[in-house]
Amino acid sequence: MYLGIKDSCGDLVTKLNSLPLQSQYIFSLLMFVVKNKDLFKTNSYVHSFNTRSRHVLHIPAANLAVLQNGVCYSGIKINNHLPPIIKKLSYDSCLMVGGRWLLILALRRFFYTKSFYSL
């Protein structure tokens, strides 16, 4: 399992069932958003229009880069870009299989199939 200087580590990461650092960070952000749902508002809370994006989390207006790179803002943006199946699981946080959240299992499977090396 030795790699050369110019070899990609993507295949080795999937063989070892490990996540790259960026994928671990995204996973942690998503778990923060799911566990602290009461801190975030949906678009239907902000306005009364019946749009197709009424159930996604509302992104607050932030002009400062410090706020845009923060945990809450980044977590909302990443959560809104999840596939619909995983988003549905994040609404039902009480779903457990064998003592583990079904959401955690689905997120891990998603990150193992698609490794992210950048945000």
N, C-alpha and C. Protein backbone atom coordinates (compact mmCIF):
# COMPACT_ATOMS: atom_id res chain seq x y z
N MET A 1 0.81 -1.19 0.00
CA MET A 1 0.00 0.00 0.00
C MET A 1 0.85 1.26 0.00
N TYR A 2 1.96 1.20 -0.61
CA TYR A 2 2.82 2.37 -0.69
C TYR A 2 2.50 3.14 -1.95
N LEU A 3 2.49 4.44 -1.85
CA LEU A 3 2.20 5.30 -2.98
C LEU A 3 3.44 6.08 -3.36
N GLY A 4 3.53 6.35 -4.65
CA GLY A 4 4.61 7.19 -5.13
C GLY A 4 4.28 8.66 -4.90
N ILE A 5 5.20 9.50 -5.25
CA ILE A 5 5.03 10.93 -5.03
C ILE A 5 3.88 11.50 -5.86
N LYS A 6 3.73 11.03 -7.07
CA LYS A 6 2.71 11.58 -7.97
C LYS A 6 1.44 10.74 -8.03
N ASP A 7 1.32 9.71 -7.20
CA ASP A 7 0.12 8.87 -7.19
C ASP A 7 -1.00 9.55 -6.42
N SER A 8 -2.23 9.31 -6.87
CA SER A 8 -3.40 9.87 -6.20
C SER A 8 -3.75 9.03 -4.97
N CYS A 9 -4.19 9.70 -3.93
CA CYS A 9 -4.53 8.98 -2.71
C CYS A 9 -6.02 8.63 -2.67
N GLY A 10 -6.79 8.99 -3.70
CA GLY A 10 -8.22 8.74 -3.71
C GLY A 10 -8.58 7.27 -3.62
N ASP A 11 -7.87 6.42 -4.37
CA ASP A 11 -8.16 4.99 -4.33
C ASP A 11 -7.79 4.38 -2.99
N LEU A 12 -6.70 4.84 -2.41
CA LEU A 12 -6.27 4.33 -1.11
C LEU A 12 -7.26 4.72 -0.01
N VAL A 13 -7.80 5.91 -0.10
CA VAL A 13 -8.77 6.36 0.90
C VAL A 13 -10.02 5.48 0.86
N THR A 14 -10.49 5.12 -0.33
CA THR A 14 -11.68 4.27 -0.42
C THR A 14 -11.37 2.84 0.02
N LYS A 15 -10.16 2.35 -0.24
CA LYS A 15 -9.80 1.00 0.21
C LYS A 15 -9.76 0.91 1.73
N LEU A 16 -9.30 1.96 2.38
CA LEU A 16 -9.18 1.96 3.83
C LEU A 16 -10.47 2.35 4.54
N ASN A 17 -11.53 2.62 3.78
CA ASN A 17 -12.81 3.07 4.35
C ASN A 17 -12.61 4.30 5.23
N SER A 18 -11.85 5.22 4.75
CA SER A 18 -11.57 6.45 5.46
C SER A 18 -12.12 7.62 4.66
N LEU A 19 -12.29 8.73 5.32
CA LEU A 19 -12.77 9.93 4.64
C LEU A 19 -11.64 10.95 4.59
N PRO A 20 -11.52 11.67 3.48
CA PRO A 20 -10.56 12.77 3.44
C PRO A 20 -10.95 13.85 4.45
N LEU A 21 -10.02 14.70 4.77
CA LEU A 21 -10.24 15.72 5.80
C LEU A 21 -11.41 16.63 5.45
N GLN A 22 -11.54 17.03 4.19
CA GLN A 22 -12.63 17.91 3.79
C GLN A 22 -13.98 17.21 3.94
N SER A 23 -14.04 15.93 3.62
CA SER A 23 -15.29 15.18 3.79
C SER A 23 -15.65 15.04 5.26
N GLN A 24 -14.66 14.87 6.11
CA GLN A 24 -14.92 14.80 7.55
C GLN A 24 -15.44 16.13 8.06
N TYR A 25 -14.89 17.23 7.55
CA TYR A 25 -15.35 18.56 7.95
C TYR A 25 -16.80 18.78 7.51
N ILE A 26 -17.13 18.40 6.29
CA ILE A 26 -18.50 18.55 5.79
C ILE A 26 -19.45 17.69 6.61
N PHE A 27 -19.03 16.47 6.94
CA PHE A 27 -19.85 15.58 7.76
C PHE A 27 -20.12 16.21 9.13
N SER A 28 -19.09 16.80 9.73
CA SER A 28 -19.26 17.45 11.04
C SER A 28 -20.19 18.65 10.95
N LEU A 29 -20.07 19.43 9.88
CA LEU A 29 -20.97 20.57 9.69
C LEU A 29 -22.42 20.11 9.57
N LEU A 30 -22.65 19.06 8.81
CA LEU A 30 -24.01 18.56 8.63
C LEU A 30 -24.58 18.03 9.93
N MET A 31 -23.76 17.35 10.72
CA MET A 31 -24.24 16.85 12.00
C MET A 31 -24.56 18.00 12.95
N PHE A 32 -23.79 19.09 12.88
CA PHE A 32 -24.09 20.27 13.69
C PHE A 32 -25.44 20.86 13.30
N VAL A 33 -25.70 20.95 12.00
CA VAL A 33 -26.97 21.51 11.53
C VAL A 33 -28.14 20.63 11.96
N VAL A 34 -27.99 19.31 11.85
CA VAL A 34 -29.08 18.40 12.21
C VAL A 34 -29.35 18.44 13.71
N LYS A 35 -28.31 18.48 14.52
CA LYS A 35 -28.50 18.47 15.97
C LYS A 35 -29.00 19.81 16.51
N ASN A 36 -28.79 20.89 15.77
CA ASN A 36 -29.21 22.22 16.22
C ASN A 36 -30.21 22.83 15.26
N LYS A 37 -31.24 22.08 14.90
CA LYS A 37 -32.24 22.55 13.95
C LYS A 37 -32.98 23.80 14.44
N ASP A 38 -33.09 23.95 15.76
CA ASP A 38 -33.82 25.08 16.31
C ASP A 38 -33.11 26.41 16.07
N LEU A 39 -31.85 26.40 15.70
CA LEU A 39 -31.12 27.64 15.41
C LEU A 39 -31.38 28.16 14.00
N PHE A 40 -31.94 27.33 13.13
CA PHE A 40 -32.07 27.68 11.71
C PHE A 40 -33.54 27.80 11.33
N LYS A 41 -33.81 28.68 10.37
CA LYS A 41 -35.16 28.89 9.87
C LYS A 41 -35.26 28.37 8.44
N THR A 42 -36.44 27.89 8.07
CA THR A 42 -36.67 27.49 6.69
C THR A 42 -37.22 28.68 5.91
N ASN A 43 -37.25 28.56 4.60
CA ASN A 43 -37.78 29.65 3.78
C ASN A 43 -39.26 29.88 4.03
N SER A 44 -40.00 28.85 4.41
CA SER A 44 -41.43 29.02 4.68
C SER A 44 -41.66 29.84 5.95
N TYR A 45 -40.70 29.86 6.85
CA TYR A 45 -40.80 30.68 8.06
C TYR A 45 -40.54 32.15 7.74
N VAL A 46 -39.70 32.40 6.75
CA VAL A 46 -39.31 33.77 6.42
C VAL A 46 -40.37 34.46 5.57
N HIS A 47 -40.98 33.74 4.61
CA HIS A 47 -42.03 34.32 3.78
C HIS A 47 -43.16 33.32 3.61
N SER A 48 -44.30 33.81 3.17
CA SER A 48 -45.49 32.95 3.08
C SER A 48 -45.77 32.47 1.66
N PHE A 49 -44.86 32.69 0.73
CA PHE A 49 -45.07 32.24 -0.63
C PHE A 49 -44.88 30.74 -0.73
N ASN A 50 -45.72 30.09 -1.52
CA ASN A 50 -45.66 28.65 -1.68
C ASN A 50 -44.69 28.30 -2.83
N THR A 51 -43.41 28.27 -2.53
CA THR A 51 -42.40 27.98 -3.54
C THR A 51 -41.89 26.57 -3.36
N ARG A 52 -41.17 26.05 -4.37
CA ARG A 52 -40.66 24.69 -4.25
C ARG A 52 -39.45 24.61 -3.32
N SER A 53 -38.86 25.74 -3.00
CA SER A 53 -37.73 25.73 -2.06
C SER A 53 -38.15 26.21 -0.67
N ARG A 54 -39.41 26.02 -0.31
CA ARG A 54 -39.89 26.49 0.97
C ARG A 54 -39.38 25.65 2.14
N HIS A 55 -38.93 24.41 1.88
CA HIS A 55 -38.48 23.54 2.96
C HIS A 55 -36.97 23.57 3.17
N VAL A 56 -36.23 24.26 2.31
CA VAL A 56 -34.79 24.35 2.50
C VAL A 56 -34.48 25.40 3.56
N LEU A 57 -33.32 25.32 4.14
CA LEU A 57 -32.94 26.27 5.17
C LEU A 57 -32.67 27.64 4.56
N HIS A 58 -33.10 28.67 5.25
CA HIS A 58 -32.92 30.03 4.77
C HIS A 58 -31.49 30.49 5.01
N ILE A 59 -30.86 31.01 3.97
CA ILE A 59 -29.50 31.54 4.09
C ILE A 59 -29.60 33.00 4.49
N PRO A 60 -29.10 33.36 5.66
CA PRO A 60 -29.20 34.75 6.10
C PRO A 60 -28.27 35.65 5.28
N ALA A 61 -28.64 36.92 5.19
CA ALA A 61 -27.81 37.88 4.47
C ALA A 61 -26.55 38.15 5.28
N ALA A 62 -25.41 37.92 4.66
CA ALA A 62 -24.13 38.14 5.34
C ALA A 62 -23.16 38.77 4.35
N ASN A 63 -22.73 39.97 4.64
CA ASN A 63 -21.81 40.66 3.75
C ASN A 63 -20.35 40.45 4.15
N LEU A 64 -20.11 40.08 5.38
CA LEU A 64 -18.75 39.89 5.85
C LEU A 64 -18.26 38.48 5.56
N ALA A 65 -17.02 38.37 5.13
CA ALA A 65 -16.44 37.06 4.83
C ALA A 65 -16.32 36.21 6.09
N VAL A 66 -16.17 36.85 7.23
CA VAL A 66 -16.09 36.11 8.50
C VAL A 66 -17.38 35.34 8.75
N LEU A 67 -18.51 35.96 8.46
CA LEU A 67 -19.80 35.29 8.64
C LEU A 67 -20.03 34.23 7.57
N GLN A 68 -19.61 34.52 6.33
CA GLN A 68 -19.82 33.57 5.24
C GLN A 68 -18.97 32.32 5.39
N ASN A 69 -17.85 32.42 6.07
CA ASN A 69 -17.00 31.25 6.30
C ASN A 69 -17.28 30.58 7.63
N GLY A 70 -18.27 31.08 8.36
CA GLY A 70 -18.60 30.54 9.67
C GLY A 70 -19.32 29.21 9.58
N VAL A 71 -19.48 28.59 10.72
CA VAL A 71 -20.07 27.25 10.81
C VAL A 71 -21.54 27.27 10.40
N CYS A 72 -22.30 28.20 10.90
CA CYS A 72 -23.74 28.21 10.60
C CYS A 72 -24.02 28.47 9.13
N TYR A 73 -23.38 29.47 8.56
CA TYR A 73 -23.60 29.81 7.16
C TYR A 73 -23.16 28.68 6.24
N SER A 74 -21.97 28.13 6.49
CA SER A 74 -21.47 27.02 5.66
C SER A 74 -22.33 25.78 5.82
N GLY A 75 -22.77 25.51 7.05
CA GLY A 75 -23.62 24.35 7.29
C GLY A 75 -24.94 24.43 6.56
N ILE A 76 -25.52 25.63 6.51
CA ILE A 76 -26.78 25.81 5.79
C ILE A 76 -26.57 25.58 4.30
N LYS A 77 -25.52 26.16 3.74
CA LYS A 77 -25.28 26.01 2.30
C LYS A 77 -25.03 24.56 1.92
N ILE A 78 -24.26 23.85 2.74
CA ILE A 78 -23.98 22.44 2.43
C ILE A 78 -25.23 21.59 2.61
N ASN A 79 -26.00 21.87 3.64
CA ASN A 79 -27.23 21.12 3.87
C ASN A 79 -28.22 21.30 2.73
N ASN A 80 -28.29 22.51 2.17
CA ASN A 80 -29.20 22.76 1.07
C ASN A 80 -28.77 22.08 -0.23
N HIS A 81 -27.50 21.67 -0.33
CA HIS A 81 -27.02 21.00 -1.54
C HIS A 81 -27.00 19.48 -1.43
N LEU A 82 -27.53 18.95 -0.35
CA LEU A 82 -27.59 17.49 -0.20
C LEU A 82 -28.61 16.89 -1.15
N PRO A 83 -28.45 15.61 -1.51
CA PRO A 83 -29.49 14.94 -2.29
C PRO A 83 -30.80 14.89 -1.51
N PRO A 84 -31.93 14.90 -2.19
CA PRO A 84 -33.23 14.96 -1.50
C PRO A 84 -33.47 13.80 -0.52
N ILE A 85 -32.95 12.64 -0.82
CA ILE A 85 -33.18 11.48 0.06
C ILE A 85 -32.50 11.71 1.42
N ILE A 86 -31.29 12.21 1.39
CA ILE A 86 -30.58 12.45 2.65
C ILE A 86 -31.18 13.64 3.38
N LYS A 87 -31.66 14.64 2.64
CA LYS A 87 -32.31 15.78 3.28
C LYS A 87 -33.57 15.34 4.02
N LYS A 88 -34.30 14.40 3.42
CA LYS A 88 -35.51 13.88 4.05
C LYS A 88 -35.17 13.17 5.36
N LEU A 89 -34.07 12.44 5.37
CA LEU A 89 -33.64 11.76 6.59
C LEU A 89 -33.23 12.74 7.67
N SER A 90 -32.70 13.89 7.28
CA SER A 90 -32.27 14.87 8.28
C SER A 90 -33.46 15.50 8.99
N TYR A 91 -34.64 15.50 8.35
CA TYR A 91 -35.84 16.02 9.02
C TYR A 91 -36.34 15.04 10.07
N ASP A 92 -36.17 13.72 9.82
CA ASP A 92 -36.61 12.69 10.75
C ASP A 92 -35.40 12.17 11.53
N SER A 93 -34.96 12.93 12.50
CA SER A 93 -33.75 12.56 13.23
C SER A 93 -33.98 11.41 14.21
N CYS A 94 -35.23 10.96 14.36
CA CYS A 94 -35.50 9.89 15.31
C CYS A 94 -35.37 8.50 14.68
N LEU A 95 -35.08 8.42 13.38
CA LEU A 95 -34.96 7.12 12.72
C LEU A 95 -33.66 6.44 13.15
N MET A 96 -33.78 5.30 13.82
CA MET A 96 -32.61 4.59 14.31
C MET A 96 -32.64 3.16 13.77
N VAL A 97 -31.47 2.65 13.41
CA VAL A 97 -31.33 1.26 12.96
C VAL A 97 -30.17 0.67 13.74
N GLY A 98 -30.44 -0.31 14.57
CA GLY A 98 -29.38 -0.94 15.34
C GLY A 98 -28.67 0.03 16.28
N GLY A 99 -29.40 0.99 16.83
CA GLY A 99 -28.81 1.94 17.75
C GLY A 99 -28.07 3.09 17.08
N ARG A 100 -28.07 3.16 15.75
CA ARG A 100 -27.41 4.25 15.04
C ARG A 100 -28.43 5.00 14.20
N TRP A 101 -28.19 6.27 14.03
CA TRP A 101 -29.07 7.06 13.19
C TRP A 101 -28.97 6.59 11.76
N LEU A 102 -30.09 6.49 11.10
CA LEU A 102 -30.12 6.15 9.69
C LEU A 102 -29.47 7.26 8.86
N LEU A 103 -29.56 8.49 9.35
CA LEU A 103 -28.94 9.62 8.67
C LEU A 103 -27.42 9.48 8.64
N ILE A 104 -26.81 9.07 9.74
CA ILE A 104 -25.36 8.91 9.79
C ILE A 104 -24.91 7.83 8.81
N LEU A 105 -25.65 6.74 8.77
CA LEU A 105 -25.30 5.67 7.83
C LEU A 105 -25.42 6.14 6.38
N ALA A 106 -26.48 6.89 6.08
CA ALA A 106 -26.66 7.38 4.71
C ALA A 106 -25.59 8.40 4.34
N LEU A 107 -25.22 9.28 5.28
CA LEU A 107 -24.18 10.26 5.00
C LEU A 107 -22.83 9.60 4.79
N ARG A 108 -22.51 8.62 5.60
CA ARG A 108 -21.23 7.92 5.44
C ARG A 108 -21.17 7.21 4.08
N ARG A 109 -22.27 6.57 3.70
CA ARG A 109 -22.30 5.89 2.40
C ARG A 109 -22.16 6.91 1.27
N PHE A 110 -22.80 8.07 1.42
CA PHE A 110 -22.70 9.12 0.42
C PHE A 110 -21.27 9.63 0.30
N PHE A 111 -20.59 9.83 1.42
CA PHE A 111 -19.22 10.34 1.39
C PHE A 111 -18.22 9.28 0.94
N TYR A 112 -18.52 8.01 1.16
CA TYR A 112 -17.61 6.97 0.66
C TYR A 112 -17.69 6.85 -0.86
N THR A 113 -18.88 7.10 -1.42
CA THR A 113 -19.00 7.01 -2.87
C THR A 113 -18.50 8.28 -3.56
N LYS A 114 -18.61 9.42 -2.90
CA LYS A 114 -18.17 10.69 -3.47
C LYS A 114 -17.25 11.37 -2.47
N SER A 115 -15.99 11.23 -2.66
CA SER A 115 -15.02 11.87 -1.78
C SER A 115 -14.83 13.32 -2.22
N PHE A 116 -14.92 14.22 -1.25
CA PHE A 116 -14.72 15.63 -1.53
C PHE A 116 -13.34 16.04 -1.06
N TYR A 117 -12.59 16.67 -1.95
CA TYR A 117 -11.25 17.13 -1.60
C TYR A 117 -11.19 18.64 -1.48
N SER A 118 -12.32 19.30 -1.68
CA SER A 118 -12.38 20.74 -1.49
C SER A 118 -13.83 21.10 -1.14
N LEU A 119 -14.02 22.27 -0.58
CA LEU A 119 -15.35 22.74 -0.26
C LEU A 119 -15.93 23.45 -1.47
